[in-house]
PDB file of N, CA and C in Angstrom:
ATOM      1  N   MET A   1      -0.593 -20.338  -2.923  1.00  0.00           N
ATOM      2  CA  MET A   1      -1.886 -20.983  -2.876  1.00  0.00           C
ATOM      3  C   MET A   1      -2.193 -21.346  -1.425  1.00  0.00           C
ATOM      4  N   GLY A   2      -3.368 -20.946  -0.976  1.00  0.00           N
ATOM      5  CA  GLY A   2      -3.797 -21.290   0.371  1.00  0.00           C
ATOM      6  C   GLY A   2      -3.360 -20.326   1.455  1.00  0.00           C
ATOM      7  N   GLU A   3      -2.611 -19.296   1.101  1.00  0.00           N
ATOM      8  CA  GLU A   3      -2.166 -18.319   2.091  1.00  0.00           C
ATOM      9  C   GLU A   3      -3.281 -17.295   2.310  1.00  0.00           C
ATOM     10  N   ARG A   4      -3.636 -17.062   3.564  1.00  0.00           N
ATOM     11  CA  ARG A   4      -4.634 -16.048   3.879  1.00  0.00           C
ATOM     12  C   ARG A   4      -4.112 -14.679   3.458  1.00  0.00           C
ATOM     13  N   VAL A   5      -5.006 -13.798   3.019  1.00  0.00           N
ATOM     14  CA  VAL A   5      -4.611 -12.473   2.551  1.00  0.00           C
ATOM     15  C   VAL A   5      -3.865 -11.721   3.647  1.00  0.00           C
ATOM     16  N   GLU A   6      -4.363 -11.769   4.886  1.00  0.00           N
ATOM     17  CA  GLU A   6      -3.697 -11.064   5.983  1.00  0.00           C
ATOM     18  C   GLU A   6      -2.288 -11.590   6.223  1.00  0.00           C
ATOM     19  N   ASP A   7      -2.100 -12.894   6.072  1.00  0.00           N
ATOM     20  CA  ASP A   7      -0.761 -13.471   6.211  1.00  0.00           C
ATOM     21  C   ASP A   7       0.147 -13.025   5.070  1.00  0.00           C
ATOM     22  N   ALA A   8      -0.412 -12.922   3.866  1.00  0.00           N
ATOM     23  CA  ALA A   8       0.366 -12.456   2.712  1.00  0.00           C
ATOM     24  C   ALA A   8       0.778 -11.002   2.895  1.00  0.00           C
ATOM     25  N   VAL A   9      -0.098 -10.183   3.467  1.00  0.00           N
ATOM     26  CA  VAL A   9       0.247  -8.781   3.737  1.00  0.00           C
ATOM     27  C   VAL A   9       1.468  -8.721   4.646  1.00  0.00           C
ATOM     28  N   CYS A  10       1.434  -9.470   5.742  1.00  0.00           N
ATOM     29  CA  CYS A  10       2.543  -9.461   6.700  1.00  0.00           C
ATOM     30  C   CYS A  10       3.832  -9.977   6.059  1.00  0.00           C
ATOM     31  N   ARG A  11       3.738 -11.027   5.273  1.00  0.00           N
ATOM     32  CA  ARG A  11       4.915 -11.585   4.597  1.00  0.00           C
ATOM     33  C   ARG A  11       5.494 -10.598   3.601  1.00  0.00           C
ATOM     34  N   GLU A  12       4.633  -9.987   2.786  1.00  0.00           N
ATOM     35  CA  GLU A  12       5.106  -9.026   1.778  1.00  0.00           C
ATOM     36  C   GLU A  12       5.747  -7.801   2.414  1.00  0.00           C
ATOM     37  N   VAL A  13       5.151  -7.289   3.480  1.00  0.00           N
ATOM     38  CA  VAL A  13       5.744  -6.133   4.156  1.00  0.00           C
ATOM     39  C   VAL A  13       7.126  -6.502   4.692  1.00  0.00           C
ATOM     40  N   LEU A  14       7.256  -7.685   5.278  1.00  0.00           N
ATOM     41  CA  LEU A  14       8.548  -8.136   5.781  1.00  0.00           C
ATOM     42  C   LEU A  14       9.570  -8.243   4.649  1.00  0.00           C
ATOM     43  N   GLU A  15       9.172  -8.852   3.531  1.00  0.00           N
ATOM     44  CA  GLU A  15      10.080  -9.012   2.392  1.00  0.00           C
ATOM     45  C   GLU A  15      10.502  -7.671   1.794  1.00  0.00           C
ATOM     46  N   GLU A  16       9.588  -6.711   1.723  1.00  0.00           N
ATOM     47  CA  GLU A  16       9.858  -5.453   1.034  1.00  0.00           C
ATOM     48  C   GLU A  16      10.420  -4.357   1.926  1.00  0.00           C
ATOM     49  N   THR A  17      10.202  -4.469   3.260  1.00  0.00           N
ATOM     50  CA  THR A  17      10.635  -3.383   4.155  1.00  0.00           C
ATOM     51  C   THR A  17      11.428  -3.860   5.366  1.00  0.00           C
ATOM     52  N   ASN A  18      11.490  -5.176   5.598  1.00  0.00           N
ATOM     53  CA  ASN A  18      12.142  -5.761   6.764  1.00  0.00           C
ATOM     54  C   ASN A  18      11.395  -5.465   8.068  1.00  0.00           C
ATOM     55  N   LEU A  19      10.127  -5.040   7.974  1.00  0.00           N
ATOM     56  CA  LEU A  19       9.343  -4.755   9.171  1.00  0.00           C
ATOM     57  C   LEU A  19       8.371  -5.889   9.444  1.00  0.00           C
ATOM     58  N   GLU A  20       8.289  -6.282  10.693  1.00  0.00           N
ATOM     59  CA  GLU A  20       7.302  -7.264  11.134  1.00  0.00           C
ATOM     60  C   GLU A  20       6.057  -6.483  11.532  1.00  0.00           C
ATOM     61  N   VAL A  21       4.932  -6.804  10.893  1.00  0.00           N
ATOM     62  CA  VAL A  21       3.695  -6.084  11.169  1.00  0.00           C
ATOM     63  C   VAL A  21       2.572  -7.057  11.508  1.00  0.00           C
ATOM     64  N   SER A  22       1.540  -6.512  12.128  1.00  0.00           N
ATOM     65  CA  SER A  22       0.295  -7.244  12.295  1.00  0.00           C
ATOM     66  C   SER A  22      -0.808  -6.398  11.685  1.00  0.00           C
ATOM     67  N   VAL A  23      -1.785  -7.058  11.110  1.00  0.00           N
ATOM     68  CA  VAL A  23      -2.907  -6.354  10.494  1.00  0.00           C
ATOM     69  C   VAL A  23      -3.825  -5.842  11.595  1.00  0.00           C
ATOM     70  N   VAL A  24      -4.130  -4.553  11.540  1.00  0.00           N
ATOM     71  CA  VAL A  24      -5.053  -3.934  12.493  1.00  0.00           C
ATOM     72  C   VAL A  24      -6.473  -4.031  11.962  1.00  0.00           C
ATOM     73  N   ARG A  25      -6.637  -3.661  10.693  1.00  0.00           N
ATOM     74  CA  ARG A  25      -7.959  -3.711  10.072  1.00  0.00           C
ATOM     75  C   ARG A  25      -7.827  -3.580   8.564  1.00  0.00           C
ATOM     76  N   PHE A  26      -8.896  -3.958   7.895  1.00  0.00           N
ATOM     77  CA  PHE A  26      -8.985  -3.763   6.456  1.00  0.00           C
ATOM     78  C   PHE A  26      -9.215  -2.286   6.196  1.00  0.00           C
ATOM     79  N   GLY A  27      -8.530  -1.726   5.200  1.00  0.00           N
ATOM     80  CA  GLY A  27      -8.694  -0.313   4.847  1.00  0.00           C
ATOM     81  C   GLY A  27      -9.763  -0.124   3.796  1.00  0.00           C
ATOM     82  N   GLU A  28      -9.456  -0.512   2.565  1.00  0.00           N
ATOM     83  CA  GLU A  28     -10.430  -0.400   1.489  1.00  0.00           C
ATOM     84  C   GLU A  28      -9.929  -1.104   0.236  1.00  0.00           C
ATOM     85  N   ILE A  29     -10.816  -1.237  -0.719  1.00  0.00           N
ATOM     86  CA  ILE A  29     -10.470  -1.754  -2.042  1.00  0.00           C
ATOM     87  C   ILE A  29     -10.262  -0.545  -2.940  1.00  0.00           C
ATOM     88  N   PHE A  30      -9.156  -0.550  -3.670  1.00  0.00           N
ATOM     89  CA  PHE A  30      -8.846   0.552  -4.586  1.00  0.00           C
ATOM     90  C   PHE A  30      -8.645  -0.055  -5.965  1.00  0.00           C
ATOM     91  N   GLU A  31      -9.438   0.378  -6.921  1.00  0.00           N
ATOM     92  CA  GLU A  31      -9.356  -0.161  -8.275  1.00  0.00           C
ATOM     93  C   GLU A  31      -8.733   0.869  -9.198  1.00  0.00           C
ATOM     94  N   ARG A  32      -7.768   0.433  -9.980  1.00  0.00           N
ATOM     95  CA  ARG A  32      -7.090   1.322 -10.920  1.00  0.00           C
ATOM     96  C   ARG A  32      -7.116   0.668 -12.296  1.00  0.00           C
ATOM     97  N   ILE A  33      -7.717   1.363 -13.261  1.00  0.00           N
ATOM     98  CA  ILE A  33      -7.758   0.906 -14.650  1.00  0.00           C
ATOM     99  C   ILE A  33      -6.934   1.899 -15.457  1.00  0.00           C
ATOM    100  N   MET A  34      -5.893   1.389 -16.114  1.00  0.00           N
ATOM    101  CA  MET A  34      -4.943   2.264 -16.806  1.00  0.00           C
ATOM    102  C   MET A  34      -4.921   1.948 -18.299  1.00  0.00           C
ATOM    103  N   PRO A  35      -5.280   2.926 -19.125  1.00  0.00           N
ATOM    104  CA  PRO A  35      -5.232   2.712 -20.577  1.00  0.00           C
ATOM    105  C   PRO A  35      -3.829   2.949 -21.128  1.00  0.00           C
ATOM    106  N   ASP A  36      -3.570   2.355 -22.291  1.00  0.00           N
ATOM    107  CA  ASP A  36      -2.301   2.609 -22.977  1.00  0.00           C
ATOM    108  C   ASP A  36      -2.453   3.853 -23.856  1.00  0.00           C
ATOM    109  N   ALA A  37      -1.455   4.148 -24.679  1.00  0.00           N
ATOM    110  CA  ALA A  37      -1.461   5.352 -25.517  1.00  0.00           C
ATOM    111  C   ALA A  37      -2.612   5.349 -26.526  1.00  0.00           C
ATOM    112  N   ALA A  38      -3.060   4.167 -26.925  1.00  0.00           N
ATOM    113  CA  ALA A  38      -4.150   4.056 -27.897  1.00  0.00           C
ATOM    114  C   ALA A  38      -5.526   4.079 -27.229  1.00  0.00           C
ATOM    115  N   GLY A  39      -5.541   4.149 -25.899  1.00  0.00           N
ATOM    116  CA  GLY A  39      -6.810   4.178 -25.178  1.00  0.00           C
ATOM    117  C   GLY A  39      -7.345   2.806 -24.802  1.00  0.00           C
ATOM    118  N   GLU A  40      -6.602   1.772 -25.143  1.00  0.00           N
ATOM    119  CA  GLU A  40      -6.996   0.410 -24.770  1.00  0.00           C
ATOM    120  C   GLU A  40      -6.543   0.134 -23.338  1.00  0.00           C
ATOM    121  N   ILE A  41      -7.254  -0.724 -22.651  1.00  0.00           N
ATOM    122  CA  ILE A  41      -6.871  -1.045 -21.276  1.00  0.00           C
ATOM    123  C   ILE A  41      -5.575  -1.850 -21.287  1.00  0.00           C
ATOM    124  N   GLU A  42      -4.567  -1.289 -20.611  1.00  0.00           N
ATOM    125  CA  GLU A  42      -3.262  -1.934 -20.514  1.00  0.00           C
ATOM    126  C   GLU A  42      -3.129  -2.675 -19.182  1.00  0.00           C
ATOM    127  N   TYR A  43      -3.589  -2.039 -18.101  1.00  0.00           N
ATOM    128  CA  TYR A  43      -3.517  -2.634 -16.768  1.00  0.00           C
ATOM    129  C   TYR A  43      -4.833  -2.423 -16.039  1.00  0.00           C
ATOM    130  N   HIS A  44      -5.206  -3.418 -15.260  1.00  0.00           N
ATOM    131  CA  HIS A  44      -6.381  -3.310 -14.395  1.00  0.00           C
ATOM    132  C   HIS A  44      -5.987  -3.930 -13.058  1.00  0.00           C
ATOM    133  N   TYR A  45      -5.796  -3.064 -12.065  1.00  0.00           N
ATOM    134  CA  TYR A  45      -5.376  -3.507 -10.745  1.00  0.00           C
ATOM    135  C   TYR A  45      -6.540  -3.396  -9.765  1.00  0.00           C
ATOM    136  N   VAL A  46      -6.666  -4.374  -8.898  1.00  0.00           N
ATOM    137  CA  VAL A  46      -7.573  -4.306  -7.763  1.00  0.00           C
ATOM    138  C   VAL A  46      -6.695  -4.463  -6.532  1.00  0.00           C
ATOM    139  N   LEU A  47      -6.570  -3.385  -5.756  1.00  0.00           N
ATOM    140  CA  LEU A  47      -5.670  -3.353  -4.612  1.00  0.00           C
ATOM    141  C   LEU A  47      -6.465  -3.433  -3.315  1.00  0.00           C
ATOM    142  N   LEU A  48      -6.053  -4.319  -2.429  1.00  0.00           N
ATOM    143  CA  LEU A  48      -6.649  -4.434  -1.106  1.00  0.00           C
ATOM    144  C   LEU A  48      -5.711  -3.756  -0.124  1.00  0.00           C
ATOM    145  N   ASP A  49      -6.172  -2.681   0.476  1.00  0.00           N
ATOM    146  CA  ASP A  49      -5.338  -1.906   1.398  1.00  0.00           C
ATOM    147  C   ASP A  49      -5.669  -2.259   2.837  1.00  0.00           C
ATOM    148  N   TYR A  50      -4.623  -2.501   3.624  1.00  0.00           N
ATOM    149  CA  TYR A  50      -4.776  -2.852   5.032  1.00  0.00           C
ATOM    150  C   TYR A  50      -4.014  -1.867   5.900  1.00  0.00           C
ATOM    151  N   VAL A  51      -4.555  -1.597   7.073  1.00  0.00           N
ATOM    152  CA  VAL A  51      -3.862  -0.794   8.068  1.00  0.00           C
ATOM    153  C   VAL A  51      -3.120  -1.773   8.970  1.00  0.00           C
ATOM    154  N   CYS A  52      -1.814  -1.542   9.142  1.00  0.00           N
ATOM    155  CA  CYS A  52      -0.984  -2.462   9.925  1.00  0.00           C
ATOM    156  C   CYS A  52      -0.245  -1.712  11.022  1.00  0.00           C
ATOM    157  N   GLU A  53       0.195  -2.466  12.010  1.00  0.00           N
ATOM    158  CA  GLU A  53       0.999  -1.916  13.096  1.00  0.00           C
ATOM    159  C   GLU A  53       2.361  -2.591  13.077  1.00  0.00           C
ATOM    160  N   VAL A  54       3.408  -1.791  13.188  1.00  0.00           N
ATOM    161  CA  VAL A  54       4.764  -2.334  13.206  1.00  0.00           C
ATOM    162  C   VAL A  54       5.013  -2.994  14.551  1.00  0.00           C
ATOM    163  N   ARG A  55       5.480  -4.248  14.516  1.00  0.00           N
ATOM    164  CA  ARG A  55       5.770  -5.022  15.726  1.00  0.00           C
ATOM    165  C   ARG A  55       7.264  -5.223  15.948  1.00  0.00           C
ATOM    166  N   GLY A  56       8.055  -5.060  14.886  1.00  0.00           N
ATOM    167  CA  GLY A  56       9.493  -5.273  15.014  1.00  0.00           C
ATOM    168  C   GLY A  56      10.194  -5.076  13.689  1.00  0.00           C
ATOM    169  N   GLY A  57      11.511  -5.259  13.713  1.00  0.00           N
ATOM    170  CA  GLY A  57      12.319  -5.100  12.511  1.00  0.00           C
ATOM    171  C   GLY A  57      12.887  -3.705  12.404  1.00  0.00           C
ATOM    172  N   THR A  58      13.771  -3.538  11.441  1.00  0.00           N
ATOM    173  CA  THR A  58      14.386  -2.248  11.151  1.00  0.00           C
ATOM    174  C   THR A  58      14.096  -1.917   9.703  1.00  0.00           C
ATOM    175  N   LEU A  59      13.530  -0.745   9.458  1.00  0.00           N
ATOM    176  CA  LEU A  59      13.151  -0.344   8.109  1.00  0.00           C
ATOM    177  C   LEU A  59      14.353  -0.389   7.174  1.00  0.00           C
ATOM    178  N   ARG A  60      14.210  -1.173   6.085  1.00  0.00           N
ATOM    179  CA  ARG A  60      15.264  -1.291   5.086  1.00  0.00           C
ATOM    180  C   ARG A  60      14.631  -1.788   3.786  1.00  0.00           C
ATOM    181  N   ALA A  61      15.121  -1.285   2.667  1.00  0.00           N
ATOM    182  CA  ALA A  61      14.575  -1.653   1.360  1.00  0.00           C
ATOM    183  C   ALA A  61      14.856  -3.111   1.044  1.00  0.00           C
ATOM    184  N   GLY A  62      13.866  -3.780   0.471  1.00  0.00           N
ATOM    185  CA  GLY A  62      14.038  -5.154   0.016  1.00  0.00           C
ATOM    186  C   GLY A  62      14.746  -5.193  -1.321  1.00  0.00           C
ATOM    187  N   SER A  63      14.890  -6.389  -1.867  1.00  0.00           N
ATOM    188  CA  SER A  63      15.647  -6.565  -3.114  1.00  0.00           C
ATOM    189  C   SER A  63      14.967  -5.922  -4.316  1.00  0.00           C
ATOM    190  N   ASP A  64      13.661  -5.669  -4.226  1.00  0.00           N
ATOM    191  CA  ASP A  64      12.940  -5.084  -5.363  1.00  0.00           C
ATOM    192  C   ASP A  64      12.732  -3.579  -5.220  1.00  0.00           C
ATOM    193  N   SER A  65      13.408  -2.951  -4.248  1.00  0.00           N
ATOM    194  CA  SER A  65      13.257  -1.512  -4.021  1.00  0.00           C
ATOM    195  C   SER A  65      14.620  -0.839  -3.924  1.00  0.00           C
ATOM    196  N   ALA A  66      14.683   0.390  -4.431  1.00  0.00           N
ATOM    197  CA  ALA A  66      15.924   1.162  -4.327  1.00  0.00           C
ATOM    198  C   ALA A  66      16.021   1.863  -2.981  1.00  0.00           C
ATOM    199  N   ASP A  67      14.861   2.203  -2.390  1.00  0.00           N
ATOM    200  CA  ASP A  67      14.862   2.971  -1.156  1.00  0.00           C
ATOM    201  C   ASP A  67      13.532   2.753  -0.442  1.00  0.00           C
ATOM    202  N   VAL A  68      13.548   2.981   0.852  1.00  0.00           N
ATOM    203  CA  VAL A  68      12.330   2.924   1.657  1.00  0.00           C
ATOM    204  C   VAL A  68      12.499   3.907   2.809  1.00  0.00           C
ATOM    205  N   ARG A  69      11.429   4.634   3.128  1.00  0.00           N
ATOM    206  CA  ARG A  69      11.487   5.563   4.253  1.00  0.00           C
ATOM    207  C   ARG A  69      10.080   5.959   4.673  1.00  0.00           C
ATOM    208  N   TRP A  70      10.007   6.598   5.834  1.00  0.00           N
ATOM    209  CA  TRP A  70       8.740   7.062   6.391  1.00  0.00           C
ATOM    210  C   TRP A  70       8.465   8.489   5.924  1.00  0.00           C
ATOM    211  N   PHE A  71       7.186   8.802   5.707  1.00  0.00           N
ATOM    212  CA  PHE A  71       6.762  10.150   5.343  1.00  0.00           C
ATOM    213  C   PHE A  71       5.575  10.547   6.203  1.00  0.00           C
ATOM    214  N   SER A  72       5.536  11.796   6.585  1.00  0.00           N
ATOM    215  CA  SER A  72       4.364  12.325   7.279  1.00  0.00           C
ATOM    216  C   SER A  72       3.259  12.541   6.246  1.00  0.00           C
ATOM    217  N   PRO A  73       2.002  12.657   6.683  1.00  0.00           N
ATOM    218  CA  PRO A  73       0.925  12.944   5.724  1.00  0.00           C
ATOM    219  C   PRO A  73       1.193  14.216   4.918  1.00  0.00           C
ATOM    220  N   GLU A  74       1.786  15.229   5.552  1.00  0.00           N
ATOM    221  CA  GLU A  74       2.090  16.470   4.838  1.00  0.00           C
ATOM    222  C   GLU A  74       3.166  16.256   3.775  1.00  0.00           C
ATOM    223  N   GLU A  75       4.176  15.455   4.087  1.00  0.00           N
ATOM    224  CA  GLU A  75       5.261  15.184   3.137  1.00  0.00           C
ATOM    225  C   GLU A  75       4.756  14.388   1.932  1.00  0.00           C
ATOM    226  N   LEU A  76       3.776  13.511   2.144  1.00  0.00           N
ATOM    227  CA  LEU A  76       3.229  12.722   1.039  1.00  0.00           C
ATOM    228  C   LEU A  76       2.663  13.603  -0.060  1.00  0.00           C
ATOM    229  N   LYS A  77       2.111  14.743   0.323  1.00  0.00           N
ATOM    230  CA  LYS A  77       1.501  15.661  -0.647  1.00  0.00           C
ATOM    231  C   LYS A  77       2.518  16.228  -1.630  1.00  0.00           C
ATOM    232  N   GLU A  78       3.784  16.177  -1.274  1.00  0.00           N
ATOM    233  CA  GLU A  78       4.850  16.723  -2.132  1.00  0.00           C
ATOM    234  C   GLU A  78       5.458  15.672  -3.051  1.00  0.00           C
ATOM    235  N   LEU A  79       5.057  14.418  -2.916  1.00  0.00           N
ATOM    236  CA  LEU A  79       5.649  13.335  -3.706  1.00  0.00           C
ATOM    237  C   LEU A  79       4.892  13.104  -5.009  1.00  0.00           C
ATOM    238  N   PRO A  80       5.601  12.682  -6.060  1.00  0.00           N
ATOM    239  CA  PRO A  80       4.935  12.341  -7.321  1.00  0.00           C
ATOM    240  C   PRO A  80       4.357  10.927  -7.233  1.00  0.00           C
ATOM    241  N   ILE A  81       3.132  10.807  -6.740  1.00  0.00           N
ATOM    242  CA  ILE A  81       2.512   9.485  -6.582  1.00  0.00           C
ATOM    243  C   ILE A  81       1.258   9.380  -7.438  1.00  0.00           C
ATOM    244  N   THR A  82       0.811   8.171  -7.656  1.00  0.00           N
ATOM    245  CA  THR A  82      -0.324   7.878  -8.516  1.00  0.00           C
ATOM    246  C   THR A  82      -1.594   8.571  -8.026  1.00  0.00           C
ATOM    247  N   SER A  83      -2.349   9.082  -8.942  1.00  0.00           N
ATOM    248  CA  SER A  83      -3.613   9.753  -8.635  1.00  0.00           C
ATOM    249  C   SER A  83      -4.507   8.844  -7.791  1.00  0.00           C
ATOM    250  N   GLY A  84      -5.068   9.402  -6.734  1.00  0.00           N
ATOM    251  CA  GLY A  84      -5.964   8.658  -5.857  1.00  0.00           C
ATOM    252  C   GLY A  84      -5.282   8.065  -4.639  1.00  0.00           C
ATOM    253  N   THR A  85      -3.960   7.951  -4.687  1.00  0.00           N
ATOM    254  CA  THR A  85      -3.224   7.316  -3.587  1.00  0.00           C
ATOM    255  C   THR A  85      -3.325   8.122  -2.293  1.00  0.00           C
ATOM    256  N   LEU A  86      -3.181   9.439  -2.381  1.00  0.00           N
ATOM    257  CA  LEU A  86      -3.265  10.269  -1.176  1.00  0.00           C
ATOM    258  C   LEU A  86      -4.608  10.105  -0.479  1.00  0.00           C
ATOM    259  N   GLU A  87      -5.669  10.040  -1.253  1.00  0.00           N
ATOM    260  CA  GLU A  87      -6.999   9.889  -0.675  1.00  0.00           C
ATOM    261  C   GLU A  87      -7.152   8.541   0.029  1.00  0.00           C
ATOM    262  N   VAL A  88      -6.609   7.490  -0.561  1.00  0.00           N
ATOM    263  CA  VAL A  88      -6.663   6.167   0.058  1.00  0.00           C
ATOM    264  C   VAL A  88      -5.878   6.165   1.370  1.00  0.00           C
ATOM    265  N   VAL A  89      -4.674   6.716   1.342  1.00  0.00           N
ATOM    266  CA  VAL A  89      -3.845   6.779   2.553  1.00  0.00           C
ATOM    267  C   VAL A  89      -4.582   7.538   3.653  1.00  0.00           C
ATOM    268  N   GLU A  90      -5.176   8.664   3.306  1.00  0.00           N
ATOM    269  CA  GLU A  90      -5.875   9.473   4.304  1.00  0.00           C
ATOM    270  C   GLU A  90      -7.077   8.736   4.892  1.00  0.00           C
ATOM    271  N   ARG A  91      -7.854   8.067   4.038  1.00  0.00           N
ATOM    272  CA  ARG A  91      -9.001   7.297   4.551  1.00  0.00           C
ATOM    273  C   ARG A  91      -8.551   6.163   5.449  1.00  0.00           C
ATOM    274  N   CYS A  92      -7.476   5.477   5.055  1.00  0.00           N
ATOM    275  CA  CYS A  92      -6.951   4.393   5.899  1.00  0.00           C
ATOM    276  C   CYS A  92      -6.398   4.944   7.205  1.00  0.00           C
ATOM    277  N   ARG A  93      -5.742   6.088   7.135  1.00  0.00           N
ATOM    278  CA  ARG A  93      -5.148   6.709   8.321  1.00  0.00           C
ATOM    279  C   ARG A  93      -6.215   7.173   9.305  1.00  0.00           C
ATOM    280  N   THR A  94      -7.298   7.736   8.799  1.00  0.00           N
ATOM    281  CA  THR A  94      -8.324   8.306   9.675  1.00  0.00           C
ATOM    282  C   THR A  94      -9.500   7.383   9.935  1.00  0.00           C
ATOM    283  N   GLY A  95      -9.627   6.332   9.145  1.00  0.00           N
ATOM    284  CA  GLY A  95     -10.769   5.431   9.305  1.00  0.00           C
ATOM    285  C   GLY A  95     -12.012   5.909   8.589  1.00  0.00           C
ATOM    286  N   ALA A  96     -11.881   6.949   7.754  1.00  0.00           N
ATOM    287  CA  ALA A  96     -13.019   7.478   6.994  1.00  0.00           C
ATOM    288  C   ALA A  96     -13.440   6.471   5.931  1.00  0.00           C
ATOM    289  N   LYS A  97     -14.699   6.496   5.597  1.00  0.00           N
ATOM    290  CA  LYS A  97     -15.240   5.603   4.561  1.00  0.00           C
ATOM    291  C   LYS A  97     -15.087   6.242   3.185  1.00  0.00           C
ATOM    292  N   SER A  98     -14.950   5.417   2.157  1.00  0.00           N
ATOM    293  CA  SER A  98     -14.799   5.917   0.800  1.00  0.00           C
ATOM    294  C   SER A  98     -16.151   6.081   0.099  1.00  0.00           C
ATOM    295  N   TYR A  99     -17.216   5.778   0.785  1.00  0.00           N
ATOM    296  CA  TYR A  99     -18.561   5.900   0.169  1.00  0.00           C
ATOM    297  C   TYR A  99     -19.446   6.768   1.000  1.00  0.00           C
TER     298      TYR A  99
END
């Protein structure tokens, strides 16, 4: 309660990756609505994506992750990731608008 979103981004990145970052800019809002097997809404996520710059630390998985590593944009295309994620990453990476 009372933590600025940008401060929470930096704290979460540190907790999950051991990297100290600073927020460069806001990326975009990404909304994901996921139905269950019966077609009812099971999850509704609103994700705020930020572009950050690494300031320090050594990349290492946090307690809630099995692994963490860097991927090039080309390597991301080969990963089994959630639909829409590649487009968000690319827009954040290039500064392109989603509208």
